PDB file of N, CA and C in Angstrom:
ATOM      1  N   MET A   1      97.629 113.395  89.330  1.00  0.00           N
ATOM      2  CA  MET A   1      98.391 114.336  90.114  1.00  0.00           C
ATOM      3  C   MET A   1      99.839 113.857  90.180  1.00  0.00           C
ATOM      4  N   LYS A   2     100.759 114.789  90.005  1.00  0.00           N
ATOM      5  CA  LYS A   2     102.173 114.444  90.086  1.00  0.00           C
ATOM      6  C   LYS A   2     102.563 114.142  91.525  1.00  0.00           C
ATOM      7  N   GLU A   3     103.550 113.267  91.674  1.00  0.00           N
ATOM      8  CA  GLU A   3     104.058 112.946  93.006  1.00  0.00           C
ATOM      9  C   GLU A   3     105.165 113.925  93.370  1.00  0.00           C
ATOM     10  N   LEU A   4     105.355 114.095  94.655  1.00  0.00           N
ATOM     11  CA  LEU A   4     106.388 114.987  95.155  1.00  0.00           C
ATOM     12  C   LEU A   4     107.657 114.205  95.472  1.00  0.00           C
ATOM     13  N   THR A   5     108.800 114.845  95.241  1.00  0.00           N
ATOM     14  CA  THR A   5     110.053 114.269  95.696  1.00  0.00           C
ATOM     15  C   THR A   5     110.120 114.434  97.213  1.00  0.00           C
ATOM     16  N   LYS A   6     111.102 113.810  97.834  1.00  0.00           N
ATOM     17  CA  LYS A   6     111.252 113.922  99.282  1.00  0.00           C
ATOM     18  C   LYS A   6     111.463 115.378  99.703  1.00  0.00           C
ATOM     19  N   ALA A   7     112.303 116.106  98.987  1.00  0.00           N
ATOM     20  CA  ALA A   7     112.562 117.519  99.307  1.00  0.00           C
ATOM     21  C   ALA A   7     111.296 118.360  99.106  1.00  0.00           C
ATOM     22  N   GLU A   8     110.572 118.108  98.020  1.00  0.00           N
ATOM     23  CA  GLU A   8     109.337 118.849  97.760  1.00  0.00           C
ATOM     24  C   GLU A   8     108.305 118.573  98.845  1.00  0.00           C
ATOM     25  N   GLU A   9     108.193 117.315  99.234  1.00  0.00           N
ATOM     26  CA  GLU A   9     107.216 116.961 100.263  1.00  0.00           C
ATOM     27  C   GLU A   9     107.565 117.604 101.604  1.00  0.00           C
ATOM     28  N   GLN A  10     108.838 117.681 101.921  1.00  0.00           N
ATOM     29  CA  GLN A  10     109.262 118.316 103.172  1.00  0.00           C
ATOM     30  C   GLN A  10     108.849 119.792 103.188  1.00  0.00           C
ATOM     31  N   ILE A  11     109.013 120.459 102.081  1.00  0.00           N
ATOM     32  CA  ILE A  11     108.620 121.866 102.002  1.00  0.00           C
ATOM     33  C   ILE A  11     107.099 121.999 102.050  1.00  0.00           C
ATOM     34  N   MET A  12     106.391 121.106 101.363  1.00  0.00           N
ATOM     35  CA  MET A  12     104.928 121.152 101.413  1.00  0.00           C
ATOM     36  C   MET A  12     104.421 120.899 102.829  1.00  0.00           C
ATOM     37  N   GLN A  13     105.039 119.964 103.545  1.00  0.00           N
ATOM     38  CA  GLN A  13     104.624 119.695 104.932  1.00  0.00           C
ATOM     39  C   GLN A  13     104.743 120.976 105.766  1.00  0.00           C
ATOM     40  N   ALA A  14     105.843 121.685 105.596  1.00  0.00           N
ATOM     41  CA  ALA A  14     106.035 122.942 106.334  1.00  0.00           C
ATOM     42  C   ALA A  14     104.985 123.965 105.926  1.00  0.00           C
ATOM     43  N   LEU A  15     104.724 124.083 104.637  1.00  0.00           N
ATOM     44  CA  LEU A  15     103.758 125.073 104.165  1.00  0.00           C
ATOM     45  C   LEU A  15     102.330 124.705 104.564  1.00  0.00           C
ATOM     46  N   TRP A  16     101.995 123.431 104.576  1.00  0.00           N
ATOM     47  CA  TRP A  16     100.665 123.025 105.047  1.00  0.00           C
ATOM     48  C   TRP A  16     100.484 123.416 106.514  1.00  0.00           C
ATOM     49  N   ARG A  17     101.550 123.285 107.313  1.00  0.00           N
ATOM     50  CA  ARG A  17     101.469 123.693 108.721  1.00  0.00           C
ATOM     51  C   ARG A  17     101.337 125.209 108.846  1.00  0.00           C
ATOM     52  N   LEU A  18     102.120 125.931 108.056  1.00  0.00           N
ATOM     53  CA  LEU A  18     102.149 127.395 108.156  1.00  0.00           C
ATOM     54  C   LEU A  18     100.935 128.067 107.498  1.00  0.00           C
ATOM     55  N   LYS A  19     100.362 127.426 106.519  1.00  0.00           N
ATOM     56  CA  LYS A  19      99.229 127.923 105.714  1.00  0.00           C
ATOM     57  C   LYS A  19      99.647 129.018 104.726  1.00  0.00           C
ATOM     58  N   LYS A  20     100.272 130.082 105.188  1.00  0.00           N
ATOM     59  CA  LYS A  20     100.816 131.142 104.325  1.00  0.00           C
ATOM     60  C   LYS A  20     102.152 131.548 104.917  1.00  0.00           C
ATOM     61  N   ALA A  21     103.156 131.718 104.037  1.00  0.00           N
ATOM     62  CA  ALA A  21     104.470 132.064 104.574  1.00  0.00           C
ATOM     63  C   ALA A  21     105.380 132.630 103.486  1.00  0.00           C
ATOM     64  N   TYR A  22     106.301 133.454 103.941  1.00  0.00           N
ATOM     65  CA  TYR A  22     107.369 133.944 103.086  1.00  0.00           C
ATOM     66  C   TYR A  22     108.488 132.901 103.090  1.00  0.00           C
ATOM     67  N   LEU A  23     109.382 133.014 102.110  1.00  0.00           N
ATOM     68  CA  LEU A  23     110.455 132.042 101.950  1.00  0.00           C
ATOM     69  C   LEU A  23     111.249 131.851 103.246  1.00  0.00           C
ATOM     70  N   LYS A  24     111.630 132.928 103.899  1.00  0.00           N
ATOM     71  CA  LYS A  24     112.446 132.794 105.119  1.00  0.00           C
ATOM     72  C   LYS A  24     111.678 132.068 106.223  1.00  0.00           C
ATOM     73  N   GLU A  25     110.347 132.215 106.266  1.00  0.00           N
ATOM     74  CA  GLU A  25     109.533 131.510 107.261  1.00  0.00           C
ATOM     75  C   GLU A  25     109.461 130.013 106.949  1.00  0.00           C
ATOM     76  N   ILE A  26     109.416 129.689 105.670  1.00  0.00           N
ATOM     77  CA  ILE A  26     109.400 128.278 105.267  1.00  0.00           C
ATOM     78  C   ILE A  26     110.734 127.632 105.637  1.00  0.00           C
ATOM     79  N   VAL A  27     111.833 128.309 105.328  1.00  0.00           N
ATOM     80  CA  VAL A  27     113.157 127.785 105.677  1.00  0.00           C
ATOM     81  C   VAL A  27     113.249 127.554 107.185  1.00  0.00           C
ATOM     82  N   ALA A  28     112.785 128.510 107.969  1.00  0.00           N
ATOM     83  CA  ALA A  28     112.847 128.398 109.433  1.00  0.00           C
ATOM     84  C   ALA A  28     111.990 127.245 109.966  1.00  0.00           C
ATOM     85  N   ALA A  29     110.939 126.888 109.241  1.00  0.00           N
ATOM     86  CA  ALA A  29     110.033 125.823 109.688  1.00  0.00           C
ATOM     87  C   ALA A  29     110.544 124.428 109.343  1.00  0.00           C
ATOM     88  N   LEU A  30     111.582 124.340 108.554  1.00  0.00           N
ATOM     89  CA  LEU A  30     112.127 123.031 108.157  1.00  0.00           C
ATOM     90  C   LEU A  30     112.994 122.462 109.274  1.00  0.00           C
ATOM     91  N   PRO A  31     113.016 121.128 109.385  1.00  0.00           N
ATOM     92  CA  PRO A  31     113.829 120.512 110.446  1.00  0.00           C
ATOM     93  C   PRO A  31     115.325 120.645 110.172  1.00  0.00           C
ATOM     94  N   GLU A  32     116.090 120.580 111.237  1.00  0.00           N
ATOM     95  CA  GLU A  32     117.558 120.604 111.130  1.00  0.00           C
ATOM     96  C   GLU A  32     118.045 119.280 110.566  1.00  0.00           C
ATOM     97  N   PRO A  33     119.083 119.224 109.814  1.00  0.00           N
ATOM     98  CA  PRO A  33     119.800 120.369 109.262  1.00  0.00           C
ATOM     99  C   PRO A  33     119.012 120.969 108.104  1.00  0.00           C
ATOM    100  N   ARG A  34     118.814 122.266 108.172  1.00  0.00           N
ATOM    101  CA  ARG A  34     118.010 122.941 107.152  1.00  0.00           C
ATOM    102  C   ARG A  34     118.778 123.046 105.836  1.00  0.00           C
ATOM    103  N   PRO A  35     118.050 122.867 104.733  1.00  0.00           N
ATOM    104  CA  PRO A  35     118.706 123.093 103.435  1.00  0.00           C
ATOM    105  C   PRO A  35     118.999 124.584 103.263  1.00  0.00           C
ATOM    106  N   ALA A  36     119.876 124.891 102.337  1.00  0.00           N
ATOM    107  CA  ALA A  36     120.232 126.288 102.061  1.00  0.00           C
ATOM    108  C   ALA A  36     119.014 127.063 101.564  1.00  0.00           C
ATOM    109  N   TYR A  37     118.998 128.331 101.873  1.00  0.00           N
ATOM    110  CA  TYR A  37     117.938 129.249 101.456  1.00  0.00           C
ATOM    111  C   TYR A  37     117.718 129.148  99.944  1.00  0.00           C
ATOM    112  N   THR A  38     118.815 129.132  99.180  1.00  0.00           N
ATOM    113  CA  THR A  38     118.704 129.078  97.712  1.00  0.00           C
ATOM    114  C   THR A  38     118.116 127.746  97.245  1.00  0.00           C
ATOM    115  N   THR A  39     118.424 126.673  97.954  1.00  0.00           N
ATOM    116  CA  THR A  39     117.869 125.358  97.614  1.00  0.00           C
ATOM    117  C   THR A  39     116.357 125.360  97.816  1.00  0.00           C
ATOM    118  N   VAL A  40     115.917 125.894  98.949  1.00  0.00           N
ATOM    119  CA  VAL A  40     114.479 125.966  99.240  1.00  0.00           C
ATOM    120  C   VAL A  40     113.791 126.839  98.193  1.00  0.00           C
ATOM    121  N   SER A  41     114.424 127.951  97.832  1.00  0.00           N
ATOM    122  CA  SER A  41     113.865 128.848  96.815  1.00  0.00           C
ATOM    123  C   SER A  41     113.683 128.120  95.487  1.00  0.00           C
ATOM    124  N   THR A  42     114.661 127.326  95.101  1.00  0.00           N
ATOM    125  CA  THR A  42     114.586 126.567  93.848  1.00  0.00           C
ATOM    126  C   THR A  42     113.465 125.540  93.901  1.00  0.00           C
ATOM    127  N   VAL A  43     113.370 124.815  95.009  1.00  0.00           N
ATOM    128  CA  VAL A  43     112.323 123.793  95.145  1.00  0.00           C
ATOM    129  C   VAL A  43     110.945 124.447  95.127  1.00  0.00           C
ATOM    130  N   ILE A  44     110.811 125.601  95.756  1.00  0.00           N
ATOM    131  CA  ILE A  44     109.527 126.306  95.740  1.00  0.00           C
ATOM    132  C   ILE A  44     109.152 126.711  94.320  1.00  0.00           C
ATOM    133  N   ARG A  45     110.117 127.179  93.534  1.00  0.00           N
ATOM    134  CA  ARG A  45     109.829 127.531  92.132  1.00  0.00           C
ATOM    135  C   ARG A  45     109.324 126.311  91.365  1.00  0.00           C
ATOM    136  N   VAL A  46     109.921 125.152  91.608  1.00  0.00           N
ATOM    137  CA  VAL A  46     109.479 123.909  90.962  1.00  0.00           C
ATOM    138  C   VAL A  46     108.051 123.587  91.397  1.00  0.00           C
ATOM    139  N   LEU A  47     107.760 123.734  92.698  1.00  0.00           N
ATOM    140  CA  LEU A  47     106.419 123.440  93.210  1.00  0.00           C
ATOM    141  C   LEU A  47     105.370 124.393  92.645  1.00  0.00           C
ATOM    142  N   VAL A  48     105.764 125.635  92.402  1.00  0.00           N
ATOM    143  CA  VAL A  48     104.850 126.593  91.755  1.00  0.00           C
ATOM    144  C   VAL A  48     104.554 126.120  90.333  1.00  0.00           C
ATOM    145  N   LYS A  49     105.593 125.706  89.598  1.00  0.00           N
ATOM    146  CA  LYS A  49     105.409 125.218  88.221  1.00  0.00           C
ATOM    147  C   LYS A  49     104.537 123.966  88.183  1.00  0.00           C
ATOM    148  N   LYS A  50     104.685 123.090  89.174  1.00  0.00           N
ATOM    149  CA  LYS A  50     103.886 121.865  89.236  1.00  0.00           C
ATOM    150  C   LYS A  50     102.454 122.123  89.688  1.00  0.00           C
ATOM    151  N   GLY A  51     102.179 123.332  90.200  1.00  0.00           N
ATOM    152  CA  GLY A  51     100.831 123.661  90.634  1.00  0.00           C
ATOM    153  C   GLY A  51     100.521 123.324  92.081  1.00  0.00           C
ATOM    154  N   PHE A  52     101.538 122.987  92.867  1.00  0.00           N
ATOM    155  CA  PHE A  52     101.314 122.658  94.276  1.00  0.00           C
ATOM    156  C   PHE A  52     101.305 123.898  95.165  1.00  0.00           C
ATOM    157  N   ILE A  53     102.001 124.935  94.749  1.00  0.00           N
ATOM    158  CA  ILE A  53     102.099 126.169  95.531  1.00  0.00           C
ATOM    159  C   ILE A  53     101.671 127.336  94.652  1.00  0.00           C
ATOM    160  N   ALA A  54     100.966 128.277  95.272  1.00  0.00           N
ATOM    161  CA  ALA A  54     100.623 129.543  94.629  1.00  0.00           C
ATOM    162  C   ALA A  54     101.223 130.654  95.490  1.00  0.00           C
ATOM    163  N   PHE A  55     101.198 131.878  94.983  1.00  0.00           N
ATOM    164  CA  PHE A  55     101.777 132.965  95.769  1.00  0.00           C
ATOM    165  C   PHE A  55     101.109 134.293  95.453  1.00  0.00           C
ATOM    166  N   GLU A  56     101.283 135.216  96.392  1.00  0.00           N
ATOM    167  CA  GLU A  56     100.872 136.599  96.229  1.00  0.00           C
ATOM    168  C   GLU A  56     102.138 137.436  96.348  1.00  0.00           C
ATOM    169  N   THR A  57     102.249 138.464  95.534  1.00  0.00           N
ATOM    170  CA  THR A  57     103.429 139.319  95.568  1.00  0.00           C
ATOM    171  C   THR A  57     103.134 140.586  96.339  1.00  0.00           C
ATOM    172  N   PHE A  58     104.023 140.910  97.280  1.00  0.00           N
ATOM    173  CA  PHE A  58     103.954 142.132  98.065  1.00  0.00           C
ATOM    174  C   PHE A  58     105.279 142.849  97.884  1.00  0.00           C
ATOM    175  N   GLY A  59     105.287 143.870  97.029  1.00  0.00           N
ATOM    176  CA  GLY A  59     106.553 144.545  96.720  1.00  0.00           C
ATOM    177  C   GLY A  59     107.463 143.583  95.983  1.00  0.00           C
ATOM    178  N   LYS A  60     108.626 143.304  96.586  1.00  0.00           N
ATOM    179  CA  LYS A  60     109.581 142.376  95.975  1.00  0.00           C
ATOM    180  C   LYS A  60     109.525 140.984  96.599  1.00  0.00           C
ATOM    181  N   SER A  61     108.598 140.782  97.521  1.00  0.00           N
ATOM    182  CA  SER A  61     108.507 139.499  98.219  1.00  0.00           C
ATOM    183  C   SER A  61     107.252 138.737  97.821  1.00  0.00           C
ATOM    184  N   ASN A  62     107.382 137.421  97.807  1.00  0.00           N
ATOM    185  CA  ASN A  62     106.239 136.549  97.546  1.00  0.00           C
ATOM    186  C   ASN A  62     105.823 135.864  98.840  1.00  0.00           C
ATOM    187  N   ARG A  63     104.521 135.820  99.065  1.00  0.00           N
ATOM    188  CA  ARG A  63     103.986 135.047 100.182  1.00  0.00           C
ATOM    189  C   ARG A  63     103.332 133.814  99.571  1.00  0.00           C
ATOM    190  N   TYR A  64     103.804 132.658  99.984  1.00  0.00           N
ATOM    191  CA  TYR A  64     103.388 131.386  99.393  1.00  0.00           C
ATOM    192  C   TYR A  64     102.278 130.737 100.213  1.00  0.00           C
ATOM    193  N   HIS A  65     101.447 129.984  99.513  1.00  0.00           N
ATOM    194  CA  HIS A  65     100.409 129.190 100.177  1.00  0.00           C
ATOM    195  C   HIS A  65     100.153 127.932  99.335  1.00  0.00           C
ATOM    196  N   PRO A  66      99.696 126.861  99.990  1.00  0.00           N
ATOM    197  CA  PRO A  66      99.440 125.618  99.243  1.00  0.00           C
ATOM    198  C   PRO A  66      98.315 125.824  98.231  1.00  0.00           C
ATOM    199  N   ALA A  67      98.512 125.310  97.035  1.00  0.00           N
ATOM    200  CA  ALA A  67      97.465 125.347  96.014  1.00  0.00           C
ATOM    201  C   ALA A  67      96.653 124.052  96.045  1.00  0.00           C
ATOM    202  N   ILE A  68      97.131 123.085  96.814  1.00  0.00           N
ATOM    203  CA  ILE A  68      96.438 121.816  96.982  1.00  0.00           C
ATOM    204  C   ILE A  68      96.471 121.473  98.470  1.00  0.00           C
ATOM    205  N   SER A  69      95.379 120.955  98.967  1.00  0.00           N
ATOM    206  CA  SER A  69      95.320 120.625 100.392  1.00  0.00           C
ATOM    207  C   SER A  69      96.100 119.343 100.677  1.00  0.00           C
ATOM    208  N   LYS A  70      96.519 119.220 101.919  1.00  0.00           N
ATOM    209  CA  LYS A  70      97.227 118.014 102.349  1.00  0.00           C
ATOM    210  C   LYS A  70      96.318 116.795 102.198  1.00  0.00           C
ATOM    211  N   ALA A  71      95.038 116.968 102.513  1.00  0.00           N
ATOM    212  CA  ALA A  71      94.084 115.855 102.403  1.00  0.00           C
ATOM    213  C   ALA A  71      93.954 115.386 100.956  1.00  0.00           C
ATOM    214  N   ASP A  72      93.857 116.321 100.011  1.00  0.00           N
ATOM    215  CA  ASP A  72      93.740 115.947  98.596  1.00  0.00           C
ATOM    216  C   ASP A  72      95.006 115.240  98.105  1.00  0.00           C
ATOM    217  N   TYR A  73      96.166 115.750  98.507  1.00  0.00           N
ATOM    218  CA  TYR A  73      97.418 115.107  98.100  1.00  0.00           C
ATOM    219  C   TYR A  73      97.518 113.704  98.707  1.00  0.00           C
ATOM    220  N   SER A  74      97.189 113.593  99.985  1.00  0.00           N
ATOM    221  CA  SER A  74      97.257 112.291 100.658  1.00  0.00           C
ATOM    222  C   SER A  74      96.329 111.288  99.992  1.00  0.00           C
ATOM    223  N   LYS A  75      95.130 111.731  99.670  1.00  0.00           N
ATOM    224  CA  LYS A  75      94.151 110.844  99.030  1.00  0.00           C
ATOM    225  C   LYS A  75      94.659 110.349  97.670  1.00  0.00           C
ATOM    226  N   ALA A  76      95.198 111.266  96.872  1.00  0.00           N
ATOM    227  CA  ALA A  76      95.704 110.888  95.549  1.00  0.00           C
ATOM    228  C   ALA A  76      96.919 109.973  95.663  1.00  0.00           C
ATOM    229  N   THR A  77      97.782 110.237  96.637  1.00  0.00           N
ATOM    230  CA  THR A  77      98.974 109.416  96.828  1.00  0.00           C
ATOM    231  C   THR A  77      98.597 108.007  97.270  1.00  0.00           C
ATOM    232  N   LEU A  78      97.665 107.904  98.213  1.00  0.00           N
ATOM    233  CA  LEU A  78      97.225 106.584  98.666  1.00  0.00           C
ATOM    234  C   LEU A  78      96.522 105.809  97.557  1.00  0.00           C
ATOM    235  N   LYS A  79      95.749 106.520  96.745  1.00  0.00           N
ATOM    236  CA  LYS A  79      95.069 105.865  95.625  1.00  0.00           C
ATOM    237  C   LYS A  79      96.099 105.279  94.655  1.00  0.00           C
ATOM    238  N   GLY A  80      97.157 106.035  94.385  1.00  0.00           N
ATOM    239  CA  GLY A  80      98.228 105.540  93.524  1.00  0.00           C
ATOM    240  C   GLY A  80      98.939 104.347  94.131  1.00  0.00           C
ATOM    241  N   LEU A  81      99.174 104.408  95.442  1.00  0.00           N
ATOM    242  CA  LEU A  81      99.803 103.298  96.161  1.00  0.00           C
ATOM    243  C   LEU A  81      98.953 102.037  96.057  1.00  0.00           C
ATOM    244  N   PHE A  82      97.650 102.174  96.278  1.00  0.00           N
ATOM    245  CA  PHE A  82      96.735 101.033  96.152  1.00  0.00           C
ATOM    246  C   PHE A  82      96.813 100.433  94.750  1.00  0.00           C
ATOM    247  N   GLN A  83      96.823 101.292  93.745  1.00  0.00           N
ATOM    248  CA  GLN A  83      96.856 100.811  92.364  1.00  0.00           C
ATOM    249  C   GLN A  83      98.155 100.082  92.067  1.00  0.00           C
ATOM    250  N   ARG A  84      99.289 100.675  92.458  1.00  0.00           N
ATOM    251  CA  ARG A  84     100.590 100.097  92.116  1.00  0.00           C
ATOM    252  C   ARG A  84     100.909  98.824  92.882  1.00  0.00           C
ATOM    253  N   PHE A  85     100.594  98.795  94.167  1.00  0.00           N
ATOM    254  CA  PHE A  85     101.054  97.685  94.992  1.00  0.00           C
ATOM    255  C   PHE A  85      99.966  96.683  95.379  1.00  0.00           C
ATOM    256  N   PHE A  86      98.705  97.096  95.313  1.00  0.00           N
ATOM    257  CA  PHE A  86      97.630  96.218  95.789  1.00  0.00           C
ATOM    258  C   PHE A  86      96.503  96.065  94.769  1.00  0.00           C
ATOM    259  N   ASN A  87      96.796  96.331  93.493  1.00  0.00           N
ATOM    260  CA  ASN A  87      95.821  96.197  92.407  1.00  0.00           C
ATOM    261  C   ASN A  87      94.509  96.923  92.694  1.00  0.00           C
ATOM    262  N   GLY A  88      94.594  98.039  93.403  1.00  0.00           N
ATOM    263  CA  GLY A  88      93.396  98.828  93.703  1.00  0.00           C
ATOM    264  C   GLY A  88      92.501  98.209  94.755  1.00  0.00           C
ATOM    265  N   SER A  89      93.011  97.244  95.494  1.00  0.00           N
ATOM    266  CA  SER A  89      92.189  96.512  96.452  1.00  0.00           C
ATOM    267  C   SER A  89      92.489  96.921  97.895  1.00  0.00           C
ATOM    268  N   PRO A  90      91.555  97.612  98.541  1.00  0.00           N
ATOM    269  CA  PRO A  90      91.737  97.923  99.966  1.00  0.00           C
ATOM    270  C   PRO A  90      91.845  96.655 100.810  1.00  0.00           C
ATOM    271  N   THR A  91      91.184  95.579 100.388  1.00  0.00           N
ATOM    272  CA  THR A  91      91.241  94.315 101.127  1.00  0.00           C
ATOM    273  C   THR A  91      92.657  93.741 101.106  1.00  0.00           C
ATOM    274  N   MET A  92      93.303  93.772  99.939  1.00  0.00           N
ATOM    275  CA  MET A  92      94.690  93.297  99.859  1.00  0.00           C
ATOM    276  C   MET A  92      95.602  94.140 100.736  1.00  0.00           C
ATOM    277  N   PHE A  93      95.374  95.467 100.725  1.00  0.00           N
ATOM    278  CA  PHE A  93      96.173  96.358 101.570  1.00  0.00           C
ATOM    279  C   PHE A  93      95.966  96.032 103.044  1.00  0.00           C
ATOM    280  N   THR A  94      94.721  95.880 103.443  1.00  0.00           N
ATOM    281  CA  THR A  94      94.413  95.589 104.846  1.00  0.00           C
ATOM    282  C   THR A  94      95.054  94.285 105.278  1.00  0.00           C
ATOM    283  N   SER A  95      94.966  93.275 104.437  1.00  0.00           N
ATOM    284  CA  SER A  95      95.573  91.988 104.748  1.00  0.00           C
ATOM    285  C   SER A  95      97.082  92.130 104.902  1.00  0.00           C
ATOM    286  N   PHE A  96      97.718  92.810 103.973  1.00  0.00           N
ATOM    287  CA  PHE A  96      99.161  93.023 104.035  1.00  0.00           C
ATOM    288  C   PHE A  96      99.537  93.804 105.298  1.00  0.00           C
ATOM    289  N   PHE A  97      98.829  94.890 105.551  1.00  0.00           N
ATOM    290  CA  PHE A  97      99.136  95.766 106.683  1.00  0.00           C
ATOM    291  C   PHE A  97      98.978  95.041 108.013  1.00  0.00           C
ATOM    292  N   THR A  98      97.889  94.325 108.184  1.00  0.00           N
ATOM    293  CA  THR A  98      97.639  93.667 109.473  1.00  0.00           C
ATOM    294  C   THR A  98      98.568  92.479 109.710  1.00  0.00           C
ATOM    295  N   GLN A  99      99.056  91.857 108.635  1.00  0.00           N
ATOM    296  CA  GLN A  99      99.945  90.707 108.800  1.00  0.00           C
ATOM    297  C   GLN A  99     101.413  91.106 108.913  1.00  0.00           C
ATOM    298  N   ASN A 100     101.782  92.277 108.386  1.00  0.00           N
ATOM    299  CA  ASN A 100     103.184  92.661 108.344  1.00  0.00           C
ATOM    300  C   ASN A 100     103.571  93.764 109.319  1.00  0.00           C
ATOM    301  N   GLU A 101     102.630  94.307 110.020  1.00  0.00           N
ATOM    302  CA  GLU A 101     102.920  95.318 111.034  1.00  0.00           C
ATOM    303  C   GLU A 101     102.725  94.695 112.404  1.00  0.00           C
ATOM    304  N   ASN A 102     103.449  95.183 113.355  1.00  0.00           N
ATOM    305  CA  ASN A 102     103.336  94.681 114.715  1.00  0.00           C
ATOM    306  C   ASN A 102     102.223  95.455 115.427  1.00  0.00           C
ATOM    307  N   LEU A 103     100.981  95.138 115.090  1.00  0.00           N
ATOM    308  CA  LEU A 103      99.834  95.843 115.651  1.00  0.00           C
ATOM    309  C   LEU A 103      99.426  95.225 116.978  1.00  0.00           C
ATOM    310  N   SER A 104      99.111  96.093 117.907  1.00  0.00           N
ATOM    311  CA  SER A 104      98.651  95.603 119.209  1.00  0.00           C
ATOM    312  C   SER A 104      97.181  95.211 119.107  1.00  0.00           C
ATOM    313  N   LEU A 105      96.717  94.502 120.105  1.00  0.00           N
ATOM    314  CA  LEU A 105      95.306  94.146 120.171  1.00  0.00           C
ATOM    315  C   LEU A 105      94.461  95.418 120.218  1.00  0.00           C
ATOM    316  N   GLU A 106      94.938  96.429 120.918  1.00  0.00           N
ATOM    317  CA  GLU A 106      94.229  97.710 120.996  1.00  0.00           C
ATOM    318  C   GLU A 106      94.112  98.365 119.619  1.00  0.00           C
ATOM    319  N   ASP A 107      95.201  98.349 118.829  1.00  0.00           N
ATOM    320  CA  ASP A 107      95.175  98.908 117.472  1.00  0.00           C
ATOM    321  C   ASP A 107      94.150  98.172 116.604  1.00  0.00           C
ATOM    322  N   LEU A 108      94.196  96.841 116.650  1.00  0.00           N
ATOM    323  CA  LEU A 108      93.277  96.040 115.835  1.00  0.00           C
ATOM    324  C   LEU A 108      91.828  96.261 116.252  1.00  0.00           C
ATOM    325  N   THR A 109      91.579  96.364 117.548  1.00  0.00           N
ATOM    326  CA  THR A 109      90.222  96.608 118.050  1.00  0.00           C
ATOM    327  C   THR A 109      89.722  97.974 117.580  1.00  0.00           C
ATOM    328  N   GLU A 110      90.579  98.973 117.643  1.00  0.00           N
ATOM    329  CA  GLU A 110      90.194 100.313 117.193  1.00  0.00           C
ATOM    330  C   GLU A 110      89.898 100.324 115.695  1.00  0.00           C
ATOM    331  N   MET A 111      90.717  99.619 114.926  1.00  0.00           N
ATOM    332  CA  MET A 111      90.476  99.530 113.485  1.00  0.00           C
ATOM    333  C   MET A 111      89.139  98.840 113.199  1.00  0.00           C
ATOM    334  N   ARG A 112      88.848  97.769 113.942  1.00  0.00           N
ATOM    335  CA  ARG A 112      87.578  97.060 113.759  1.00  0.00           C
ATOM    336  C   ARG A 112      86.404  97.979 114.068  1.00  0.00           C
ATOM    337  N   GLU A 113      86.510  98.788 115.135  1.00  0.00           N
ATOM    338  CA  GLU A 113      85.432  99.712 115.492  1.00  0.00           C
ATOM    339  C   GLU A 113      85.201 100.744 114.398  1.00  0.00           C
ATOM    340  N   ILE A 114      86.273 101.239 113.802  1.00  0.00           N
ATOM    341  CA  ILE A 114      86.143 102.203 112.706  1.00  0.00           C
ATOM    342  C   ILE A 114      85.439 101.556 111.520  1.00  0.00           C
ATOM    343  N   ILE A 115      85.822 100.339 111.182  1.00  0.00           N
ATOM    344  CA  ILE A 115      85.207  99.625 110.058  1.00  0.00           C
ATOM    345  C   ILE A 115      83.738  99.324 110.343  1.00  0.00           C
ATOM    346  N   GLU A 116      83.440  98.878 111.550  1.00  0.00           N
ATOM    347  CA  GLU A 116      82.044  98.579 111.906  1.00  0.00           C
ATOM    348  C   GLU A 116      81.177  99.832 111.854  1.00  0.00           C
ATOM    349  N   ALA A 117      81.717 100.964 112.261  1.00  0.00           N
ATOM    350  CA  ALA A 117      80.963 102.224 112.194  1.00  0.00           C
ATOM    351  C   ALA A 117      80.669 102.592 110.734  1.00  0.00           C
ATOM    352  N   GLN A 118      81.644 102.373 109.841  1.00  0.00           N
ATOM    353  CA  GLN A 118      81.427 102.654 108.422  1.00  0.00           C
ATOM    354  C   GLN A 118      80.394 101.712 107.812  1.00  0.00           C
ATOM    355  N   ILE A 119      80.424 100.445 108.220  1.00  0.00           N
ATOM    356  CA  ILE A 119      79.432  99.468 107.741  1.00  0.00           C
ATOM    357  C   ILE A 119      78.038  99.903 108.166  1.00  0.00           C
ATOM    358  N   GLN A 120      77.898 100.272 109.427  1.00  0.00           N
ATOM    359  CA  GLN A 120      76.590 100.694 109.931  1.00  0.00           C
ATOM    360  C   GLN A 120      76.096 101.945 109.198  1.00  0.00           C
ATOM    361  N   GLN A 121      76.984 102.897 108.966  1.00  0.00           N
ATOM    362  CA  GLN A 121      76.594 104.111 108.258  1.00  0.00           C
ATOM    363  C   GLN A 121      76.141 103.801 106.831  1.00  0.00           C
ATOM    364  N   LYS A 122      76.856 102.927 106.146  1.00  0.00           N
ATOM    365  CA  LYS A 122      76.457 102.557 104.790  1.00  0.00           C
ATOM    366  C   LYS A 122      75.134 101.803 104.765  1.00  0.00           C
ATOM    367  N   GLN A 123      74.926 100.953 105.760  1.00  0.00           N
ATOM    368  CA  GLN A 123      73.648 100.224 105.849  1.00  0.00           C
ATOM    369  C   GLN A 123      72.498 101.198 106.080  1.00  0.00           C
ATOM    370  N   GLU A 124      72.688 102.186 106.925  1.00  0.00           N
ATOM    371  CA  GLU A 124      71.646 103.193 107.183  1.00  0.00           C
ATOM    372  C   GLU A 124      71.373 104.030 105.952  1.00  0.00           C
ATOM    373  N   ASN A 125      72.416 104.348 105.192  1.00  0.00           N
ATOM    374  CA  ASN A 125      72.236 105.148 103.965  1.00  0.00           C
ATOM    375  C   ASN A 125      71.527 104.360 102.871  1.00  0.00           C
ATOM    376  N   ASP A 126      71.672 103.031 102.879  1.00  0.00           N
ATOM    377  CA  ASP A 126      71.043 102.194 101.861  1.00  0.00           C
ATOM    378  C   ASP A 126      69.552 101.956 102.144  1.00  0.00           C
ATOM    379  N   GLN A 127      69.143 102.227 103.370  1.00  0.00           N
ATOM    380  CA  GLN A 127      67.739 101.955 103.726  1.00  0.00           C
ATOM    381  C   GLN A 127      66.834 103.085 103.344  1.00  0.00           C
TER     382      GLN A 127
END
């Protein structure tokens, strides 16, 4: 899956929130300072070519919607990040993240509970 530029990702974030929208609605959903209408239109055309956005035509207007879910994009992006920076190792990522972020005891405890729940679920599935 191709990666998005910062401008493309900003537009996708707005469209994922809106689900379906016309160009003027997408522009209105972007944070200030908003890019020009023509700039957003150009980026949307690029996203259509890349396969991230699809559209339906109503008269002379197009209504856009995501062609890929935010979850699928996030998963593919994180997988690429793991490969490039952590040799595909979630353990290396976890070690880096927990040592280099200022995590509170509450954050670490919550993360441990999530991991323990996944361990228990996998153990139950293996039985």
